[in-house]
Amino acid sequence: MTQSELILLHFTEIRKRSIKLWNGLPESHYHWKPDEKAMTALEMVRHVLEADYGWNRIIRNECMINYQTPWKNRPFGSVADELEFAEPHRNAFLKTVGQFSDTELTETKIVHPGNGEEKILGAYLLRIGYHESVHAGQFLSYLRTMKISRPEIWG
């Protein structure tokens, strides 16, 4: 198995668990948030899904000046609507990741536009997985606080 195949497996496993969590959110709680400064539950789902578009631009070294996402001005729908809208962007991101050679993953440098930090591509991709995992933990905390049964994500 190549490094890119392992990273793709990692992304797939993380997303599978995220989707299980998101699907456990009743529509009546889409706009719940723990405090005024936090994202709502549905905003967090969109944030994670929307990130794939940005990550794909970054790892392809596309210009991020005047960055706008396809979600701009898009009204929030259901979790299913959000997943459907995001699917082509997710697929494009995964396709890009799958095309990297082991050499590219270990030698290509990526500069994150948000903080200017330089990372090796493979390490950067693993941090992308970590980003989604952190939000999965937040989402579990949201569900617990809302007193909603938390889906079993390890099955």
C-alpha atoms as a PDB file:
ATOM      1  CA  MET A   1       0.000   0.000   0.000  1.00  0.00           C
ATOM      2  CA  THR A   2       1.373   3.413  -0.938  1.00  0.00           C
ATOM      3  CA  GLN A   3       1.491   6.364   1.418  1.00  0.00           C
ATOM      4  CA  SER A   4      -1.300   8.117  -0.482  1.00  0.00           C
ATOM      5  CA  GLU A   5      -3.472   4.986  -0.236  1.00  0.00           C
ATOM      6  CA  LEU A   6      -2.934   4.907   3.529  1.00  0.00           C
ATOM      7  CA  ILE A   7      -3.816   8.587   3.845  1.00  0.00           C
ATOM      8  CA  LEU A   8      -6.954   8.039   1.754  1.00  0.00           C
ATOM      9  CA  LEU A   9      -7.941   5.136   4.005  1.00  0.00           C
ATOM     10  CA  HIS A  10      -7.388   7.379   7.024  1.00  0.00           C
ATOM     11  CA  PHE A  11      -9.586  10.140   5.520  1.00  0.00           C
ATOM     12  CA  THR A  12     -12.290   7.621   4.622  1.00  0.00           C
ATOM     13  CA  GLU A  13     -12.389   6.166   8.131  1.00  0.00           C
ATOM     14  CA  ILE A  14     -12.557   9.611   9.734  1.00  0.00           C
ATOM     15  CA  ARG A  15     -15.361  10.759   7.420  1.00  0.00           C
ATOM     16  CA  LYS A  16     -17.324   7.539   7.950  1.00  0.00           C
ATOM     17  CA  ARG A  17     -17.357   8.242  11.682  1.00  0.00           C
ATOM     18  CA  SER A  18     -18.182  11.929  11.212  1.00  0.00           C
ATOM     19  CA  ILE A  19     -21.179  11.024   9.075  1.00  0.00           C
ATOM     20  CA  LYS A  20     -22.422   8.593  11.726  1.00  0.00           C
ATOM     21  CA  LEU A  21     -22.263  11.423  14.269  1.00  0.00           C
ATOM     22  CA  TRP A  22     -23.884  13.991  12.019  1.00  0.00           C
ATOM     23  CA  ASN A  23     -26.715  11.632  11.120  1.00  0.00           C
ATOM     24  CA  GLY A  24     -27.433  11.283  14.836  1.00  0.00           C
ATOM     25  CA  LEU A  25     -28.375  14.956  15.051  1.00  0.00           C
ATOM     26  CA  PRO A  26     -32.149  15.550  15.052  1.00  0.00           C
ATOM     27  CA  GLU A  27     -33.277  18.369  12.761  1.00  0.00           C
ATOM     28  CA  SER A  28     -34.762  20.106  15.798  1.00  0.00           C
ATOM     29  CA  HIS A  29     -31.202  20.620  17.103  1.00  0.00           C
ATOM     30  CA  TYR A  30     -29.463  21.805  13.904  1.00  0.00           C
ATOM     31  CA  HIS A  31     -29.130  25.356  15.204  1.00  0.00           C
ATOM     32  CA  TRP A  32     -28.134  24.499  18.777  1.00  0.00           C
ATOM     33  CA  LYS A  33     -24.816  25.838  20.013  1.00  0.00           C
ATOM     34  CA  PRO A  34     -23.243  25.819  23.463  1.00  0.00           C
ATOM     35  CA  ASP A  35     -22.695  29.583  23.555  1.00  0.00           C
ATOM     36  CA  GLU A  36     -23.012  32.665  21.380  1.00  0.00           C
ATOM     37  CA  LYS A  37     -19.451  32.465  20.049  1.00  0.00           C
ATOM     38  CA  ALA A  38     -19.647  28.806  19.016  1.00  0.00           C
ATOM     39  CA  MET A  39     -20.762  27.298  15.718  1.00  0.00           C
ATOM     40  CA  THR A  40     -24.176  25.710  15.606  1.00  0.00           C
ATOM     41  CA  ALA A  41     -24.209  21.947  15.128  1.00  0.00           C
ATOM     42  CA  LEU A  42     -25.074  22.319  11.441  1.00  0.00           C
ATOM     43  CA  GLU A  43     -22.487  25.075  10.965  1.00  0.00           C
ATOM     44  CA  MET A  44     -19.866  22.658  12.288  1.00  0.00           C
ATOM     45  CA  VAL A  45     -20.962  20.003   9.782  1.00  0.00           C
ATOM     46  CA  ARG A  46     -20.669  22.541   6.971  1.00  0.00           C
ATOM     47  CA  HIS A  47     -17.322  23.797   8.259  1.00  0.00           C
ATOM     48  CA  VAL A  48     -15.849  20.298   8.022  1.00  0.00           C
ATOM     49  CA  LEU A  49     -17.392  19.580   4.619  1.00  0.00           C
ATOM     50  CA  GLU A  50     -16.466  22.975   3.210  1.00  0.00           C
ATOM     51  CA  ALA A  51     -12.856  22.562   4.306  1.00  0.00           C
ATOM     52  CA  ASP A  52     -12.277  19.854   1.683  1.00  0.00           C
ATOM     53  CA  TYR A  53     -12.660  22.481  -1.041  1.00  0.00           C
ATOM     54  CA  GLY A  54     -10.083  24.746   0.579  1.00  0.00           C
ATOM     55  CA  TRP A  55      -7.668  21.927   1.392  1.00  0.00           C
ATOM     56  CA  ASN A  56      -7.789  20.815  -2.234  1.00  0.00           C
ATOM     57  CA  ARG A  57      -6.874  24.293  -3.434  1.00  0.00           C
ATOM     58  CA  ILE A  58      -4.030  24.522  -0.920  1.00  0.00           C
ATOM     59  CA  ILE A  59      -2.459  21.144  -1.751  1.00  0.00           C
ATOM     60  CA  ARG A  60      -2.662  21.979  -5.466  1.00  0.00           C
ATOM     61  CA  ASN A  61      -0.837  25.255  -4.719  1.00  0.00           C
ATOM     62  CA  GLU A  62      -3.716  27.358  -6.042  1.00  0.00           C
ATOM     63  CA  CYS A  63      -3.952  31.012  -5.143  1.00  0.00           C
ATOM     64  CA  MET A  64      -5.985  31.627  -1.999  1.00  0.00           C
ATOM     65  CA  ILE A  65      -6.184  35.409  -2.408  1.00  0.00           C
ATOM     66  CA  ASN A  66      -9.860  36.417  -2.659  1.00  0.00           C
ATOM     67  CA  TYR A  67     -10.804  32.851  -1.693  1.00  0.00           C
ATOM     68  CA  GLN A  68     -14.511  32.088  -1.839  1.00  0.00           C
ATOM     69  CA  THR A  69     -16.155  28.742  -1.370  1.00  0.00           C
ATOM     70  CA  PRO A  70     -19.039  27.248  -3.346  1.00  0.00           C
ATOM     71  CA  TRP A  71     -21.013  27.435  -0.070  1.00  0.00           C
ATOM     72  CA  LYS A  72     -20.965  31.229  -0.032  1.00  0.00           C
ATOM     73  CA  ASN A  73     -24.527  32.513   0.422  1.00  0.00           C
ATOM     74  CA  ARG A  74     -25.896  28.951   0.305  1.00  0.00           C
ATOM     75  CA  PRO A  75     -28.698  28.497   2.832  1.00  0.00           C
ATOM     76  CA  PHE A  76     -28.343  25.696   5.348  1.00  0.00           C
ATOM     77  CA  GLY A  77     -30.344  22.577   4.619  1.00  0.00           C
ATOM     78  CA  SER A  78     -30.368  19.197   6.257  1.00  0.00           C
ATOM     79  CA  VAL A  79     -27.313  17.110   7.044  1.00  0.00           C
ATOM     80  CA  ALA A  80     -28.185  15.011   3.981  1.00  0.00           C
ATOM     81  CA  ASP A  81     -28.367  18.165   1.807  1.00  0.00           C
ATOM     82  CA  GLU A  82     -24.992  19.326   3.110  1.00  0.00           C
ATOM     83  CA  LEU A  83     -23.412  15.926   2.374  1.00  0.00           C
ATOM     84  CA  GLU A  84     -24.879  15.817  -1.128  1.00  0.00           C
ATOM     85  CA  PHE A  85     -23.667  19.314  -1.990  1.00  0.00           C
ATOM     86  CA  ALA A  86     -20.196  18.541  -0.633  1.00  0.00           C
ATOM     87  CA  GLU A  87     -19.735  15.204  -2.406  1.00  0.00           C
ATOM     88  CA  PRO A  88     -18.147  16.463  -5.657  1.00  0.00           C
ATOM     89  CA  HIS A  89     -15.719  18.631  -3.674  1.00  0.00           C
ATOM     90  CA  ARG A  90     -14.829  15.705  -1.408  1.00  0.00           C
ATOM     91  CA  ASN A  91     -14.271  13.469  -4.427  1.00  0.00           C
ATOM     92  CA  ALA A  92     -12.026  16.071  -6.086  1.00  0.00           C
ATOM     93  CA  PHE A  93      -9.990  16.402  -2.877  1.00  0.00           C
ATOM     94  CA  LEU A  94      -9.575  12.628  -2.521  1.00  0.00           C
ATOM     95  CA  LYS A  95      -8.634  12.321  -6.202  1.00  0.00           C
ATOM     96  CA  THR A  96      -5.894  14.926  -5.732  1.00  0.00           C
ATOM     97  CA  VAL A  97      -4.550  13.148  -2.649  1.00  0.00           C
ATOM     98  CA  GLY A  98      -4.573   9.807  -4.472  1.00  0.00           C
ATOM     99  CA  GLN A  99      -2.360  11.183  -7.244  1.00  0.00           C
ATOM    100  CA  PHE A 100       0.569  12.095  -4.984  1.00  0.00           C
ATOM    101  CA  SER A 101       3.620   9.877  -5.146  1.00  0.00           C
ATOM    102  CA  ASP A 102       5.521   8.824  -2.046  1.00  0.00           C
ATOM    103  CA  THR A 103       8.262  11.244  -3.081  1.00  0.00           C
ATOM    104  CA  GLU A 104       5.822  14.139  -3.385  1.00  0.00           C
ATOM    105  CA  LEU A 105       4.337  13.325   0.019  1.00  0.00           C
ATOM    106  CA  THR A 106       7.758  13.396   1.667  1.00  0.00           C
ATOM    107  CA  GLU A 107       9.376  16.278  -0.227  1.00  0.00           C
ATOM    108  CA  THR A 108       6.700  18.760  -1.332  1.00  0.00           C
ATOM    109  CA  LYS A 109       6.352  21.782   0.933  1.00  0.00           C
ATOM    110  CA  ILE A 110       2.956  23.318   1.598  1.00  0.00           C
ATOM    111  CA  VAL A 111       2.457  26.735   3.150  1.00  0.00           C
ATOM    112  CA  HIS A 112      -0.820  27.078   5.016  1.00  0.00           C
ATOM    113  CA  PRO A 113      -2.315  30.440   4.024  1.00  0.00           C
ATOM    114  CA  GLY A 114      -3.934  31.025   7.411  1.00  0.00           C
ATOM    115  CA  ASN A 115      -0.722  31.053   9.437  1.00  0.00           C
ATOM    116  CA  GLY A 116       2.103  30.919   6.887  1.00  0.00           C
ATOM    117  CA  GLU A 117       3.512  27.723   8.414  1.00  0.00           C
ATOM    118  CA  GLU A 118       5.387  25.438   6.071  1.00  0.00           C
ATOM    119  CA  LYS A 119       4.762  21.698   6.305  1.00  0.00           C
ATOM    120  CA  ILE A 120       5.745  18.652   4.297  1.00  0.00           C
ATOM    121  CA  LEU A 121       2.733  17.566   2.212  1.00  0.00           C
ATOM    122  CA  GLY A 122       2.266  14.175   3.911  1.00  0.00           C
ATOM    123  CA  ALA A 123       2.326  15.756   7.364  1.00  0.00           C
ATOM    124  CA  TYR A 124      -0.027  18.493   6.185  1.00  0.00           C
ATOM    125  CA  LEU A 125      -2.513  15.903   4.963  1.00  0.00           C
ATOM    126  CA  LEU A 126      -2.416  14.115   8.308  1.00  0.00           C
ATOM    127  CA  ARG A 127      -3.176  17.426  10.034  1.00  0.00           C
ATOM    128  CA  ILE A 128      -6.228  17.736   7.784  1.00  0.00           C
ATOM    129  CA  GLY A 129      -7.461  14.439   9.190  1.00  0.00           C
ATOM    130  CA  TYR A 130      -6.764  15.715  12.679  1.00  0.00           C
ATOM    131  CA  HIS A 131      -8.850  18.835  11.988  1.00  0.00           C
ATOM    132  CA  GLU A 132     -11.908  16.732  11.200  1.00  0.00           C
ATOM    133  CA  SER A 133     -11.245  14.448  14.167  1.00  0.00           C
ATOM    134  CA  VAL A 134     -11.145  17.407  16.556  1.00  0.00           C
ATOM    135  CA  HIS A 135     -14.513  18.549  15.230  1.00  0.00           C
ATOM    136  CA  ALA A 136     -15.876  15.022  15.685  1.00  0.00           C
ATOM    137  CA  GLY A 137     -14.906  15.284  19.343  1.00  0.00           C
ATOM    138  CA  GLN A 138     -16.604  18.668  19.577  1.00  0.00           C
ATOM    139  CA  PHE A 139     -19.691  17.238  17.937  1.00  0.00           C
ATOM    140  CA  LEU A 140     -19.789  14.381  20.446  1.00  0.00           C
ATOM    141  CA  SER A 141     -19.631  16.976  23.193  1.00  0.00           C
ATOM    142  CA  TYR A 142     -22.506  18.886  21.582  1.00  0.00           C
ATOM    143  CA  LEU A 143     -24.634  15.733  21.456  1.00  0.00           C
ATOM    144  CA  ARG A 144     -23.827  14.913  25.076  1.00  0.00           C
ATOM    145  CA  THR A 145     -24.709  18.441  26.197  1.00  0.00           C
ATOM    146  CA  MET A 146     -27.965  18.317  24.202  1.00  0.00           C
ATOM    147  CA  LYS A 147     -28.695  14.992  25.939  1.00  0.00           C
ATOM    148  CA  ILE A 148     -28.962  13.240  22.584  1.00  0.00           C
ATOM    149  CA  SER A 149     -27.918   9.614  22.294  1.00  0.00           C
ATOM    150  CA  ARG A 150     -24.484   9.453  20.739  1.00  0.00           C
ATOM    151  CA  PRO A 151     -24.075   7.098  17.763  1.00  0.00           C
ATOM    152  CA  GLU A 152     -21.624   4.243  18.110  1.00  0.00           C
ATOM    153  CA  ILE A 153     -18.735   5.312  15.890  1.00  0.00           C
ATOM    154  CA  TRP A 154     -16.388   2.395  16.531  1.00  0.00           C
ATOM    155  CA  GLY A 155     -18.535  -0.336  15.021  1.00  0.00           C
END
